[in-house]
Amino acid sequence: MITRRALLISVPAVTLSFQLAHAQSARTGEFSGRSNHETTGGASLTDTTLTLEDDFTLDRAPDPVVGLGRNGEWDPDTFMGDLAAKRGNQTYTLPDGINAADYDTAIIWCRAADVPLGIAPLN
């Protein structure tokens, strides 16, 4: 029989366990620049979101967009939107039908020049 006290203690413990398991499922990486652009900072990919960390920066670049790739190769089906800011923390939602587990690279892509601006291999 579960007592009220046991229930009040177990619910926060279960919630914390779920939060820790979810946090551990994120894959992370560090950006490096491509195509003569400087891109730095961390990236974190969960099942549903890609987060560019507080230390994210991108130099001058026209038309940057956010997406994912495999082995450093851009997949346009993963387009998550225009880059919101060239500095700082920002979060993007994966498109419907995209399985985060199928991708190993976060990519900042230049739509105008059709070249990568930065990639972050995810581990």
PDB file of N, CA and C in Angstrom:
ATOM      1  N   MET A   1       0.831  -1.174   0.000  1.00  0.00           N
ATOM      2  CA  MET A   1       0.000   0.000   0.000  1.00  0.00           C
ATOM      3  C   MET A   1       0.876   1.238   0.000  1.00  0.00           C
ATOM      4  N   ILE A   2       0.571   2.175  -0.871  1.00  0.00           N
ATOM      5  CA  ILE A   2       1.328   3.425  -0.948  1.00  0.00           C
ATOM      6  C   ILE A   2       0.689   4.452  -0.030  1.00  0.00           C
ATOM      7  N   THR A   3       1.509   4.986   0.843  1.00  0.00           N
ATOM      8  CA  THR A   3       1.011   6.027   1.740  1.00  0.00           C
ATOM      9  C   THR A   3       1.151   7.373   1.066  1.00  0.00           C
ATOM     10  N   ARG A   4       0.463   8.332   1.597  1.00  0.00           N
ATOM     11  CA  ARG A   4       0.546   9.695   1.044  1.00  0.00           C
ATOM     12  C   ARG A   4       1.983  10.202   1.099  1.00  0.00           C
ATOM     13  N   ARG A   5       2.684   9.914   2.199  1.00  0.00           N
ATOM     14  CA  ARG A   5       4.066  10.364   2.350  1.00  0.00           C
ATOM     15  C   ARG A   5       4.962   9.730   1.282  1.00  0.00           C
ATOM     16  N   ALA A   6       4.802   8.437   1.045  1.00  0.00           N
ATOM     17  CA  ALA A   6       5.601   7.744   0.034  1.00  0.00           C
ATOM     18  C   ALA A   6       5.339   8.320  -1.351  1.00  0.00           C
ATOM     19  N   LEU A   7       4.098   8.647  -1.633  1.00  0.00           N
ATOM     20  CA  LEU A   7       3.751   9.229  -2.924  1.00  0.00           C
ATOM     21  C   LEU A   7       4.389  10.600  -3.089  1.00  0.00           C
ATOM     22  N   LEU A   8       4.346  11.418  -2.061  1.00  0.00           N
ATOM     23  CA  LEU A   8       4.920  12.758  -2.130  1.00  0.00           C
ATOM     24  C   LEU A   8       6.433  12.722  -2.297  1.00  0.00           C
ATOM     25  N   ILE A   9       7.073  11.695  -1.790  1.00  0.00           N
ATOM     26  CA  ILE A   9       8.518  11.559  -1.943  1.00  0.00           C
ATOM     27  C   ILE A   9       8.863  10.969  -3.305  1.00  0.00           C
ATOM     28  N   SER A  10       8.064  10.018  -3.790  1.00  0.00           N
ATOM     29  CA  SER A  10       8.409   9.325  -5.027  1.00  0.00           C
ATOM     30  C   SER A  10       8.153  10.143  -6.279  1.00  0.00           C
ATOM     31  N   VAL A  11       7.148  10.992  -6.304  1.00  0.00           N
ATOM     32  CA  VAL A  11       6.845  11.777  -7.513  1.00  0.00           C
ATOM     33  C   VAL A  11       8.003  12.694  -7.886  1.00  0.00           C
ATOM     34  N   PRO A  12       8.567  13.492  -6.956  1.00  0.00           N
ATOM     35  CA  PRO A  12       9.721  14.309  -7.345  1.00  0.00           C
ATOM     36  C   PRO A  12      10.913  13.463  -7.783  1.00  0.00           C
ATOM     37  N   ALA A  13      11.127  12.312  -7.164  1.00  0.00           N
ATOM     38  CA  ALA A  13      12.244  11.454  -7.538  1.00  0.00           C
ATOM     39  C   ALA A  13      12.074  10.931  -8.964  1.00  0.00           C
ATOM     40  N   VAL A  14      10.864  10.525  -9.328  1.00  0.00           N
ATOM     41  CA  VAL A  14      10.594  10.054 -10.689  1.00  0.00           C
ATOM     42  C   VAL A  14      10.784  11.192 -11.679  1.00  0.00           C
ATOM     43  N   THR A  15      10.291  12.376 -11.353  1.00  0.00           N
ATOM     44  CA  THR A  15      10.447  13.536 -12.229  1.00  0.00           C
ATOM     45  C   THR A  15      11.919  13.848 -12.451  1.00  0.00           C
ATOM     46  N   LEU A  16      12.709  13.847 -11.381  1.00  0.00           N
ATOM     47  CA  LEU A  16      14.131  14.112 -11.499  1.00  0.00           C
ATOM     48  C   LEU A  16      14.814  13.040 -12.343  1.00  0.00           C
ATOM     49  N   SER A  17      14.465  11.784 -12.154  1.00  0.00           N
ATOM     50  CA  SER A  17      15.053  10.704 -12.955  1.00  0.00           C
ATOM     51  C   SER A  17      14.751  10.899 -14.431  1.00  0.00           C
ATOM     52  N   PHE A  18      13.519  11.270 -14.765  1.00  0.00           N
ATOM     53  CA  PHE A  18      13.142  11.503 -16.150  1.00  0.00           C
ATOM     54  C   PHE A  18      13.936  12.666 -16.720  1.00  0.00           C
ATOM     55  N   GLN A  19      14.065  13.764 -15.959  1.00  0.00           N
ATOM     56  CA  GLN A  19      14.800  14.933 -16.437  1.00  0.00           C
ATOM     57  C   GLN A  19      16.267  14.592 -16.672  1.00  0.00           C
ATOM     58  N   LEU A  20      16.874  13.828 -15.773  1.00  0.00           N
ATOM     59  CA  LEU A  20      18.264  13.436 -15.947  1.00  0.00           C
ATOM     60  C   LEU A  20      18.440  12.526 -17.156  1.00  0.00           C
ATOM     61  N   ALA A  21      17.544  11.585 -17.344  1.00  0.00           N
ATOM     62  CA  ALA A  21      17.627  10.692 -18.504  1.00  0.00           C
ATOM     63  C   ALA A  21      17.494  11.479 -19.793  1.00  0.00           C
ATOM     64  N   HIS A  22      16.584  12.453 -19.818  1.00  0.00           N
ATOM     65  CA  HIS A  22      16.391  13.262 -21.015  1.00  0.00           C
ATOM     66  C   HIS A  22      17.625  14.125 -21.279  1.00  0.00           C
ATOM     67  N   ALA A  23      18.175  14.728 -20.231  1.00  0.00           N
ATOM     68  CA  ALA A  23      19.353  15.574 -20.394  1.00  0.00           C
ATOM     69  C   ALA A  23      20.538  14.756 -20.902  1.00  0.00           C
ATOM     70  N   GLN A  24      20.662  13.504 -20.452  1.00  0.00           N
ATOM     71  CA  GLN A  24      21.768  12.668 -20.871  1.00  0.00           C
ATOM     72  C   GLN A  24      21.610  12.207 -22.318  1.00  0.00           C
ATOM     73  N   SER A  25      20.405  12.268 -22.881  1.00  0.00           N
ATOM     74  CA  SER A  25      20.203  11.814 -24.239  1.00  0.00           C
ATOM     75  C   SER A  25      20.647  12.848 -25.271  1.00  0.00           C
ATOM     76  N   ALA A  26      20.974  14.063 -24.837  1.00  0.00           N
ATOM     77  CA  ALA A  26      21.430  15.095 -25.763  1.00  0.00           C
ATOM     78  C   ALA A  26      22.836  14.766 -26.259  1.00  0.00           C
ATOM     79  N   ARG A  27      23.034  14.980 -27.548  1.00  0.00           N
ATOM     80  CA  ARG A  27      24.374  14.850 -28.126  1.00  0.00           C
ATOM     81  C   ARG A  27      24.919  16.253 -28.323  1.00  0.00           C
ATOM     82  N   THR A  28      26.206  16.449 -28.066  1.00  0.00           N
ATOM     83  CA  THR A  28      26.790  17.778 -28.127  1.00  0.00           C
ATOM     84  C   THR A  28      28.000  17.821 -29.036  1.00  0.00           C
ATOM     85  N   GLY A  29      28.343  19.024 -29.446  1.00  0.00           N
ATOM     86  CA  GLY A  29      29.521  19.229 -30.273  1.00  0.00           C
ATOM     87  C   GLY A  29      29.908  20.690 -30.295  1.00  0.00           C
ATOM     88  N   GLU A  30      31.058  20.967 -30.908  1.00  0.00           N
ATOM     89  CA  GLU A  30      31.579  22.325 -31.026  1.00  0.00           C
ATOM     90  C   GLU A  30      31.676  22.703 -32.501  1.00  0.00           C
ATOM     91  N   PHE A  31      31.213  23.911 -32.816  1.00  0.00           N
ATOM     92  CA  PHE A  31      31.275  24.395 -34.186  1.00  0.00           C
ATOM     93  C   PHE A  31      32.698  24.749 -34.591  1.00  0.00           C
ATOM     94  N   SER A  32      32.982  24.505 -35.853  1.00  0.00           N
ATOM     95  CA  SER A  32      34.182  25.029 -36.494  1.00  0.00           C
ATOM     96  C   SER A  32      33.737  25.644 -37.813  1.00  0.00           C
ATOM     97  N   GLY A  33      34.439  26.691 -38.225  1.00  0.00           N
ATOM     98  CA  GLY A  33      34.064  27.429 -39.424  1.00  0.00           C
ATOM     99  C   GLY A  33      34.367  26.679 -40.707  1.00  0.00           C
ATOM    100  N   ARG A  34      33.631  27.030 -41.738  1.00  0.00           N
ATOM    101  CA  ARG A  34      33.819  26.489 -43.083  1.00  0.00           C
ATOM    102  C   ARG A  34      33.669  27.618 -44.098  1.00  0.00           C
ATOM    103  N   SER A  35      34.176  27.390 -45.299  1.00  0.00           N
ATOM    104  CA  SER A  35      34.027  28.321 -46.422  1.00  0.00           C
ATOM    105  C   SER A  35      34.536  29.726 -46.062  1.00  0.00           C
ATOM    106  N   ASN A  36      35.680  29.763 -45.375  1.00  0.00           N
ATOM    107  CA  ASN A  36      36.310  31.018 -44.965  1.00  0.00           C
ATOM    108  C   ASN A  36      35.463  31.848 -44.013  1.00  0.00           C
ATOM    109  N   HIS A  37      34.670  31.185 -43.197  1.00  0.00           N
ATOM    110  CA  HIS A  37      33.871  31.869 -42.170  1.00  0.00           C
ATOM    111  C   HIS A  37      34.259  31.344 -40.801  1.00  0.00           C
ATOM    112  N   GLU A  38      34.116  32.210 -39.799  1.00  0.00           N
ATOM    113  CA  GLU A  38      34.412  31.827 -38.430  1.00  0.00           C
ATOM    114  C   GLU A  38      33.112  31.530 -37.703  1.00  0.00           C
ATOM    115  N   THR A  39      32.969  30.285 -37.294  1.00  0.00           N
ATOM    116  CA  THR A  39      31.806  29.830 -36.537  1.00  0.00           C
ATOM    117  C   THR A  39      32.342  29.073 -35.333  1.00  0.00           C
ATOM    118  N   THR A  40      31.916  29.468 -34.130  1.00  0.00           N
ATOM    119  CA  THR A  40      32.409  28.829 -32.911  1.00  0.00           C
ATOM    120  C   THR A  40      31.254  28.617 -31.939  1.00  0.00           C
ATOM    121  N   GLY A  41      31.518  27.820 -30.908  1.00  0.00           N
ATOM    122  CA  GLY A  41      30.549  27.616 -29.841  1.00  0.00           C
ATOM    123  C   GLY A  41      29.946  26.228 -29.884  1.00  0.00           C
ATOM    124  N   GLY A  42      29.153  25.959 -28.869  1.00  0.00           N
ATOM    125  CA  GLY A  42      28.584  24.639 -28.706  1.00  0.00           C
ATOM    126  C   GLY A  42      27.210  24.473 -29.317  1.00  0.00           C
ATOM    127  N   ALA A  43      26.881  23.213 -29.584  1.00  0.00           N
ATOM    128  CA  ALA A  43      25.558  22.826 -30.080  1.00  0.00           C
ATOM    129  C   ALA A  43      25.121  21.590 -29.309  1.00  0.00           C
ATOM    130  N   SER A  44      23.808  21.461 -29.115  1.00  0.00           N
ATOM    131  CA  SER A  44      23.249  20.332 -28.387  1.00  0.00           C
ATOM    132  C   SER A  44      21.988  19.860 -29.109  1.00  0.00           C
ATOM    133  N   LEU A  45      21.931  18.571 -29.439  1.00  0.00           N
ATOM    134  CA  LEU A  45      20.800  18.009 -30.167  1.00  0.00           C
ATOM    135  C   LEU A  45      20.069  16.989 -29.300  1.00  0.00           C
ATOM    136  N   THR A  46      18.761  17.204 -29.114  1.00  0.00           N
ATOM    137  CA  THR A  46      17.898  16.218 -28.452  1.00  0.00           C
ATOM    138  C   THR A  46      17.005  15.612 -29.524  1.00  0.00           C
ATOM    139  N   ASP A  47      16.030  14.829 -29.109  1.00  0.00           N
ATOM    140  CA  ASP A  47      15.113  14.209 -30.063  1.00  0.00           C
ATOM    141  C   ASP A  47      14.286  15.234 -30.833  1.00  0.00           C
ATOM    142  N   THR A  48      14.078  16.412 -30.251  1.00  0.00           N
ATOM    143  CA  THR A  48      13.162  17.380 -30.864  1.00  0.00           C
ATOM    144  C   THR A  48      13.740  18.758 -31.115  1.00  0.00           C
ATOM    145  N   THR A  49      14.913  19.064 -30.536  1.00  0.00           N
ATOM    146  CA  THR A  49      15.456  20.415 -30.689  1.00  0.00           C
ATOM    147  C   THR A  49      16.958  20.425 -30.916  1.00  0.00           C
ATOM    148  N   LEU A  50      17.409  21.483 -31.568  1.00  0.00           N
ATOM    149  CA  LEU A  50      18.827  21.800 -31.690  1.00  0.00           C
ATOM    150  C   LEU A  50      19.030  23.127 -30.976  1.00  0.00           C
ATOM    151  N   THR A  51      19.957  23.142 -30.024  1.00  0.00           N
ATOM    152  CA  THR A  51      20.250  24.370 -29.290  1.00  0.00           C
ATOM    153  C   THR A  51      21.661  24.820 -29.611  1.00  0.00           C
ATOM    154  N   LEU A  52      21.789  26.081 -29.988  1.00  0.00           N
ATOM    155  CA  LEU A  52      23.093  26.713 -30.118  1.00  0.00           C
ATOM    156  C   LEU A  52      23.355  27.345 -28.757  1.00  0.00           C
ATOM    157  N   GLU A  53      24.482  27.042 -28.164  1.00  0.00           N
ATOM    158  CA  GLU A  53      24.763  27.417 -26.780  1.00  0.00           C
ATOM    159  C   GLU A  53      25.125  28.902 -26.650  1.00  0.00           C
ATOM    160  N   ASP A  54      25.250  29.350 -25.401  1.00  0.00           N
ATOM    161  CA  ASP A  54      25.554  30.757 -25.102  1.00  0.00           C
ATOM    162  C   ASP A  54      26.800  31.257 -25.819  1.00  0.00           C
ATOM    163  N   ASP A  55      27.793  30.390 -26.014  1.00  0.00           N
ATOM    164  CA  ASP A  55      29.060  30.810 -26.614  1.00  0.00           C
ATOM    165  C   ASP A  55      29.053  30.775 -28.149  1.00  0.00           C
ATOM    166  N   PHE A  56      27.901  30.514 -28.760  1.00  0.00           N
ATOM    167  CA  PHE A  56      27.819  30.444 -30.228  1.00  0.00           C
ATOM    168  C   PHE A  56      28.105  31.811 -30.856  1.00  0.00           C
ATOM    169  N   THR A  57      28.931  31.819 -31.913  1.00  0.00           N
ATOM    170  CA  THR A  57      29.161  33.032 -32.710  1.00  0.00           C
ATOM    171  C   THR A  57      29.341  32.656 -34.179  1.00  0.00           C
ATOM    172  N   LEU A  58      28.917  33.565 -35.033  1.00  0.00           N
ATOM    173  CA  LEU A  58      29.114  33.452 -36.479  1.00  0.00           C
ATOM    174  C   LEU A  58      29.530  34.829 -36.975  1.00  0.00           C
ATOM    175  N   ASP A  59      30.573  34.873 -37.819  1.00  0.00           N
ATOM    176  CA  ASP A  59      31.001  36.154 -38.369  1.00  0.00           C
ATOM    177  C   ASP A  59      30.028  36.626 -39.444  1.00  0.00           C
ATOM    178  N   ARG A  60      30.426  37.578 -40.197  1.00  0.00           N
ATOM    179  CA  ARG A  60      29.583  38.092 -41.281  1.00  0.00           C
ATOM    180  C   ARG A  60      29.248  36.959 -42.240  1.00  0.00           C
ATOM    181  N   ALA A  61      28.027  36.895 -42.640  1.00  0.00           N
ATOM    182  CA  ALA A  61      27.610  35.861 -43.588  1.00  0.00           C
ATOM    183  C   ALA A  61      26.197  36.180 -44.045  1.00  0.00           C
ATOM    184  N   PRO A  62      25.960  36.143 -45.339  1.00  0.00           N
ATOM    185  CA  PRO A  62      24.603  36.391 -45.823  1.00  0.00           C
ATOM    186  C   PRO A  62      23.734  35.142 -45.723  1.00  0.00           C
ATOM    187  N   ASP A  63      22.486  35.321 -45.381  1.00  0.00           N
ATOM    188  CA  ASP A  63      21.476  34.278 -45.474  1.00  0.00           C
ATOM    189  C   ASP A  63      21.801  32.967 -44.739  1.00  0.00           C
ATOM    190  N   PRO A  64      22.237  33.017 -43.448  1.00  0.00           N
ATOM    191  CA  PRO A  64      22.516  31.771 -42.731  1.00  0.00           C
ATOM    192  C   PRO A  64      21.242  31.082 -42.258  1.00  0.00           C
ATOM    193  N   VAL A  65      21.215  29.769 -42.407  1.00  0.00           N
ATOM    194  CA  VAL A  65      20.098  28.957 -41.945  1.00  0.00           C
ATOM    195  C   VAL A  65      20.639  27.809 -41.087  1.00  0.00           C
ATOM    196  N   VAL A  66      19.729  27.145 -40.365  1.00  0.00           N
ATOM    197  CA  VAL A  66      20.110  26.104 -39.417  1.00  0.00           C
ATOM    198  C   VAL A  66      19.538  24.757 -39.864  1.00  0.00           C
ATOM    199  N   GLY A  67      20.346  23.722 -39.747  1.00  0.00           N
ATOM    200  CA  GLY A  67      19.884  22.379 -40.078  1.00  0.00           C
ATOM    201  C   GLY A  67      20.851  21.325 -39.584  1.00  0.00           C
ATOM    202  N   LEU A  68      20.673  20.125 -40.090  1.00  0.00           N
ATOM    203  CA  LEU A  68      21.486  18.985 -39.696  1.00  0.00           C
ATOM    204  C   LEU A  68      22.097  18.320 -40.921  1.00  0.00           C
ATOM    205  N   GLY A  69      23.037  17.436 -40.659  1.00  0.00           N
ATOM    206  CA  GLY A  69      23.642  16.683 -41.744  1.00  0.00           C
ATOM    207  C   GLY A  69      24.182  15.358 -41.249  1.00  0.00           C
ATOM    208  N   ARG A  70      24.701  14.625 -42.210  1.00  0.00           N
ATOM    209  CA  ARG A  70      25.364  13.350 -41.934  1.00  0.00           C
ATOM    210  C   ARG A  70      26.798  13.464 -42.421  1.00  0.00           C
ATOM    211  N   ASN A  71      27.737  13.115 -41.554  1.00  0.00           N
ATOM    212  CA  ASN A  71      29.159  13.179 -41.915  1.00  0.00           C
ATOM    213  C   ASN A  71      29.544  14.538 -42.499  1.00  0.00           C
ATOM    214  N   GLY A  72      28.968  15.598 -41.958  1.00  0.00           N
ATOM    215  CA  GLY A  72      29.298  16.951 -42.390  1.00  0.00           C
ATOM    216  C   GLY A  72      28.587  17.419 -43.646  1.00  0.00           C
ATOM    217  N   GLU A  73      27.731  16.582 -44.228  1.00  0.00           N
ATOM    218  CA  GLU A  73      27.010  16.930 -45.455  1.00  0.00           C
ATOM    219  C   GLU A  73      25.605  17.430 -45.129  1.00  0.00           C
ATOM    220  N   TRP A  74      25.268  18.607 -45.561  1.00  0.00           N
ATOM    221  CA  TRP A  74      23.981  19.276 -45.328  1.00  0.00           C
ATOM    222  C   TRP A  74      22.823  18.471 -45.910  1.00  0.00           C
ATOM    223  N   ASP A  75      21.755  18.333 -45.146  1.00  0.00           N
ATOM    224  CA  ASP A  75      20.508  17.732 -45.631  1.00  0.00           C
ATOM    225  C   ASP A  75      19.439  18.815 -45.607  1.00  0.00           C
ATOM    226  N   PRO A  76      19.050  19.348 -46.776  1.00  0.00           N
ATOM    227  CA  PRO A  76      18.073  20.445 -46.810  1.00  0.00           C
ATOM    228  C   PRO A  76      16.716  20.091 -46.212  1.00  0.00           C
ATOM    229  N   ASP A  77      16.398  18.796 -46.093  1.00  0.00           N
ATOM    230  CA  ASP A  77      15.130  18.398 -45.476  1.00  0.00           C
ATOM    231  C   ASP A  77      15.090  18.710 -43.980  1.00  0.00           C
ATOM    232  N   THR A  78      16.254  18.999 -43.387  1.00  0.00           N
ATOM    233  CA  THR A  78      16.325  19.284 -41.953  1.00  0.00           C
ATOM    234  C   THR A  78      16.260  20.782 -41.657  1.00  0.00           C
ATOM    235  N   PHE A  79      16.004  21.600 -42.652  1.00  0.00           N
ATOM    236  CA  PHE A  79      15.934  23.059 -42.476  1.00  0.00           C
ATOM    237  C   PHE A  79      15.035  23.414 -41.294  1.00  0.00           C
ATOM    238  N   MET A  80      15.595  24.157 -40.326  1.00  0.00           N
ATOM    239  CA  MET A  80      14.857  24.552 -39.122  1.00  0.00           C
ATOM    240  C   MET A  80      14.551  26.036 -39.079  1.00  0.00           C
ATOM    241  N   GLY A  81      14.998  26.763 -40.083  1.00  0.00           N
ATOM    242  CA  GLY A  81      14.713  28.191 -40.135  1.00  0.00           C
ATOM    243  C   GLY A  81      15.965  29.016 -40.299  1.00  0.00           C
ATOM    244  N   ASP A  82      15.735  30.310 -40.491  1.00  0.00           N
ATOM    245  CA  ASP A  82      16.840  31.257 -40.581  1.00  0.00           C
ATOM    246  C   ASP A  82      17.530  31.342 -39.223  1.00  0.00           C
ATOM    247  N   LEU A  83      18.829  31.570 -39.230  1.00  0.00           N
ATOM    248  CA  LEU A  83      19.560  31.780 -37.990  1.00  0.00           C
ATOM    249  C   LEU A  83      18.999  33.033 -37.321  1.00  0.00           C
ATOM    250  N   ALA A  84      18.542  32.902 -36.082  1.00  0.00           N
ATOM    251  CA  ALA A  84      17.888  34.009 -35.375  1.00  0.00           C
ATOM    252  C   ALA A  84      18.868  35.115 -35.003  1.00  0.00           C
ATOM    253  N   ALA A  85      20.092  34.767 -34.650  1.00  0.00           N
ATOM    254  CA  ALA A  85      21.095  35.749 -34.233  1.00  0.00           C
ATOM    255  C   ALA A  85      22.481  35.176 -34.487  1.00  0.00           C
ATOM    256  N   LYS A  86      23.436  36.030 -34.725  1.00  0.00           N
ATOM    257  CA  LYS A  86      24.796  35.567 -34.991  1.00  0.00           C
ATOM    258  C   LYS A  86      25.594  35.332 -33.716  1.00  0.00           C
ATOM    259  N   ARG A  87      24.959  35.557 -32.569  1.00  0.00           N
ATOM    260  CA  ARG A  87      25.609  35.319 -31.278  1.00  0.00           C
ATOM    261  C   ARG A  87      24.596  34.808 -30.273  1.00  0.00           C
ATOM    262  N   GLY A  88      25.063  33.894 -29.415  1.00  0.00           N
ATOM    263  CA  GLY A  88      24.288  33.527 -28.249  1.00  0.00           C
ATOM    264  C   GLY A  88      23.358  32.349 -28.398  1.00  0.00           C
ATOM    265  N   ASN A  89      22.707  32.064 -27.277  1.00  0.00           N
ATOM    266  CA  ASN A  89      21.824  30.917 -27.127  1.00  0.00           C
ATOM    267  C   ASN A  89      20.563  31.056 -27.971  1.00  0.00           C
ATOM    268  N   GLN A  90      20.224  29.990 -28.669  1.00  0.00           N
ATOM    269  CA  GLN A  90      19.003  29.935 -29.475  1.00  0.00           C
ATOM    270  C   GLN A  90      18.623  28.479 -29.692  1.00  0.00           C
ATOM    271  N   THR A  91      17.325  28.223 -29.770  1.00  0.00           N
ATOM    272  CA  THR A  91      16.833  26.856 -29.908  1.00  0.00           C
ATOM    273  C   THR A  91      15.929  26.746 -31.118  1.00  0.00           C
ATOM    274  N   TYR A  92      16.092  25.657 -31.851  1.00  0.00           N
ATOM    275  CA  TYR A  92      15.334  25.389 -33.066  1.00  0.00           C
ATOM    276  C   TYR A  92      14.654  24.033 -32.946  1.00  0.00           C
ATOM    277  N   THR A  93      13.461  23.918 -33.479  1.00  0.00           N
ATOM    278  CA  THR A  93      12.692  22.674 -33.440  1.00  0.00           C
ATOM    279  C   THR A  93      12.919  21.885 -34.720  1.00  0.00           C
ATOM    280  N   LEU A  94      13.174  20.584 -34.563  1.00  0.00           N
ATOM    281  CA  LEU A  94      13.349  19.733 -35.734  1.00  0.00           C
ATOM    282  C   LEU A  94      12.048  19.648 -36.517  1.00  0.00           C
ATOM    283  N   PRO A  95      12.143  19.604 -37.842  1.00  0.00           N
ATOM    284  CA  PRO A  95      10.935  19.477 -38.658  1.00  0.00           C
ATOM    285  C   PRO A  95      10.233  18.143 -38.411  1.00  0.00           C
ATOM    286  N   ASP A  96       8.943  18.119 -38.657  1.00  0.00           N
ATOM    287  CA  ASP A  96       8.178  16.872 -38.554  1.00  0.00           C
ATOM    288  C   ASP A  96       8.799  15.819 -39.466  1.00  0.00           C
ATOM    289  N   GLY A  97       8.858  14.600 -38.978  1.00  0.00           N
ATOM    290  CA  GLY A  97       9.369  13.494 -39.772  1.00  0.00           C
ATOM    291  C   GLY A  97      10.879  13.331 -39.737  1.00  0.00           C
ATOM    292  N   ILE A  98      11.585  14.239 -39.081  1.00  0.00           N
ATOM    293  CA  ILE A  98      13.042  14.132 -38.986  1.00  0.00           C
ATOM    294  C   ILE A  98      13.399  13.428 -37.682  1.00  0.00           C
ATOM    295  N   ASN A  99      14.179  12.359 -37.789  1.00  0.00           N
ATOM    296  CA  ASN A  99      14.632  11.598 -36.638  1.00  0.00           C
ATOM    297  C   ASN A  99      16.046  12.062 -36.295  1.00  0.00           C
ATOM    298  N   ALA A 100      16.204  12.695 -35.143  1.00  0.00           N
ATOM    299  CA  ALA A 100      17.498  13.234 -34.734  1.00  0.00           C
ATOM    300  C   ALA A 100      18.589  12.168 -34.744  1.00  0.00           C
ATOM    301  N   ALA A 101      18.242  10.937 -34.435  1.00  0.00           N
ATOM    302  CA  ALA A 101      19.228   9.852 -34.380  1.00  0.00           C
ATOM    303  C   ALA A 101      19.863   9.564 -35.738  1.00  0.00           C
ATOM    304  N   ASP A 102      19.224  10.004 -36.819  1.00  0.00           N
ATOM    305  CA  ASP A 102      19.751   9.771 -38.166  1.00  0.00           C
ATOM    306  C   ASP A 102      20.848  10.761 -38.558  1.00  0.00           C
ATOM    307  N   TYR A 103      21.127  11.750 -37.709  1.00  0.00           N
ATOM    308  CA  TYR A 103      22.052  12.826 -38.056  1.00  0.00           C
ATOM    309  C   TYR A 103      23.158  12.935 -37.025  1.00  0.00           C
ATOM    310  N   ASP A 104      24.352  13.312 -37.496  1.00  0.00           N
ATOM    311  CA  ASP A 104      25.494  13.420 -36.595  1.00  0.00           C
ATOM    312  C   ASP A 104      26.196  14.771 -36.665  1.00  0.00           C
ATOM    313  N   THR A 105      25.575  15.745 -37.340  1.00  0.00           N
ATOM    314  CA  THR A 105      26.209  17.043 -37.509  1.00  0.00           C
ATOM    315  C   THR A 105      25.175  18.158 -37.468  1.00  0.00           C
ATOM    316  N   ALA A 106      25.455  19.195 -36.660  1.00  0.00           N
ATOM    317  CA  ALA A 106      24.676  20.437 -36.708  1.00  0.00           C
ATOM    318  C   ALA A 106      25.362  21.335 -37.730  1.00  0.00           C
ATOM    319  N   ILE A 107      24.570  22.012 -38.546  1.00  0.00           N
ATOM    320  CA  ILE A 107      25.153  22.805 -39.632  1.00  0.00           C
ATOM    321  C   ILE A 107      24.515  24.190 -39.703  1.00  0.00           C
ATOM    322  N   ILE A 108      25.365  25.200 -39.856  1.00  0.00           N
ATOM    323  CA  ILE A 108      24.920  26.536 -40.237  1.00  0.00           C
ATOM    324  C   ILE A 108      25.264  26.642 -41.722  1.00  0.00           C
ATOM    325  N   TRP A 109      24.245  26.858 -42.532  1.00  0.00           N
ATOM    326  CA  TRP A 109      24.376  26.802 -43.990  1.00  0.00           C
ATOM    327  C   TRP A 109      24.091  28.177 -44.581  1.00  0.00           C
ATOM    328  N   CYS A 110      24.815  28.559 -45.613  1.00  0.00           N
ATOM    329  CA  CYS A 110      24.532  29.799 -46.339  1.00  0.00           C
ATOM    330  C   CYS A 110      23.656  29.447 -47.538  1.00  0.00           C
ATOM    331  N   ARG A 111      22.416  29.848 -47.441  1.00  0.00           N
ATOM    332  CA  ARG A 111      21.471  29.536 -48.517  1.00  0.00           C
ATOM    333  C   ARG A 111      21.840  30.286 -49.800  1.00  0.00           C
ATOM    334  N   ALA A 112      22.322  31.527 -49.672  1.00  0.00           N
ATOM    335  CA  ALA A 112      22.646  32.340 -50.849  1.00  0.00           C
ATOM    336  C   ALA A 112      23.789  31.747 -51.664  1.00  0.00           C
ATOM    337  N   ALA A 113      24.846  31.273 -50.993  1.00  0.00           N
ATOM    338  CA  ALA A 113      26.015  30.735 -51.694  1.00  0.00           C
ATOM    339  C   ALA A 113      26.013  29.215 -51.775  1.00  0.00           C
ATOM    340  N   ASP A 114      25.066  28.560 -51.074  1.00  0.00           N
ATOM    341  CA  ASP A 114      24.954  27.108 -51.068  1.00  0.00           C
ATOM    342  C   ASP A 114      26.238  26.446 -50.560  1.00  0.00           C
ATOM    343  N   VAL A 115      26.741  26.974 -49.418  1.00  0.00           N
ATOM    344  CA  VAL A 115      27.954  26.434 -48.797  1.00  0.00           C
ATOM    345  C   VAL A 115      27.772  26.392 -47.277  1.00  0.00           C
ATOM    346  N   PRO A 116      28.524  25.504 -46.604  1.00  0.00           N
ATOM    347  CA  PRO A 116      28.467  25.500 -45.134  1.00  0.00           C
ATOM    348  C   PRO A 116      29.233  26.695 -44.568  1.00  0.00           C
ATOM    349  N   LEU A 117      28.701  27.250 -43.486  1.00  0.00           N
ATOM    350  CA  LEU A 117      29.389  28.318 -42.758  1.00  0.00           C
ATOM    351  C   LEU A 117      30.032  27.777 -41.500  1.00  0.00           C
ATOM    352  N   GLY A 118      29.454  26.713 -40.949  1.00  0.00           N
ATOM    353  CA  GLY A 118      30.002  26.070 -39.768  1.00  0.00           C
ATOM    354  C   GLY A 118      29.348  24.728 -39.556  1.00  0.00           C
ATOM    355  N   ILE A 119      30.140  23.798 -39.015  1.00  0.00           N
ATOM    356  CA  ILE A 119      29.610  22.480 -38.686  1.00  0.00           C
ATOM    357  C   ILE A 119      30.039  22.109 -37.275  1.00  0.00           C
ATOM    358  N   ALA A 120      29.171  21.332 -36.609  1.00  0.00           N
ATOM    359  CA  ALA A 120      29.477  20.828 -35.281  1.00  0.00           C
ATOM    360  C   ALA A 120      29.194  19.322 -35.262  1.00  0.00           C
ATOM    361  N   PRO A 121      30.242  18.493 -35.315  1.00  0.00           N
ATOM    362  CA  PRO A 121      30.033  17.050 -35.170  1.00  0.00           C
ATOM    363  C   PRO A 121      29.445  16.759 -33.787  1.00  0.00           C
ATOM    364  N   LEU A 122      28.424  15.924 -33.741  1.00  0.00           N
ATOM    365  CA  LEU A 122      27.697  15.649 -32.492  1.00  0.00           C
ATOM    366  C   LEU A 122      28.037  14.273 -31.955  1.00  0.00           C
ATOM    367  N   ASN A 123      28.393  14.212 -30.672  1.00  0.00           N
ATOM    368  CA  ASN A 123      28.715  12.941 -30.008  1.00  0.00           C
ATOM    369  C   ASN A 123      27.797  12.736 -28.837  1.00  0.00           C
TER     370      ASN A 123
END
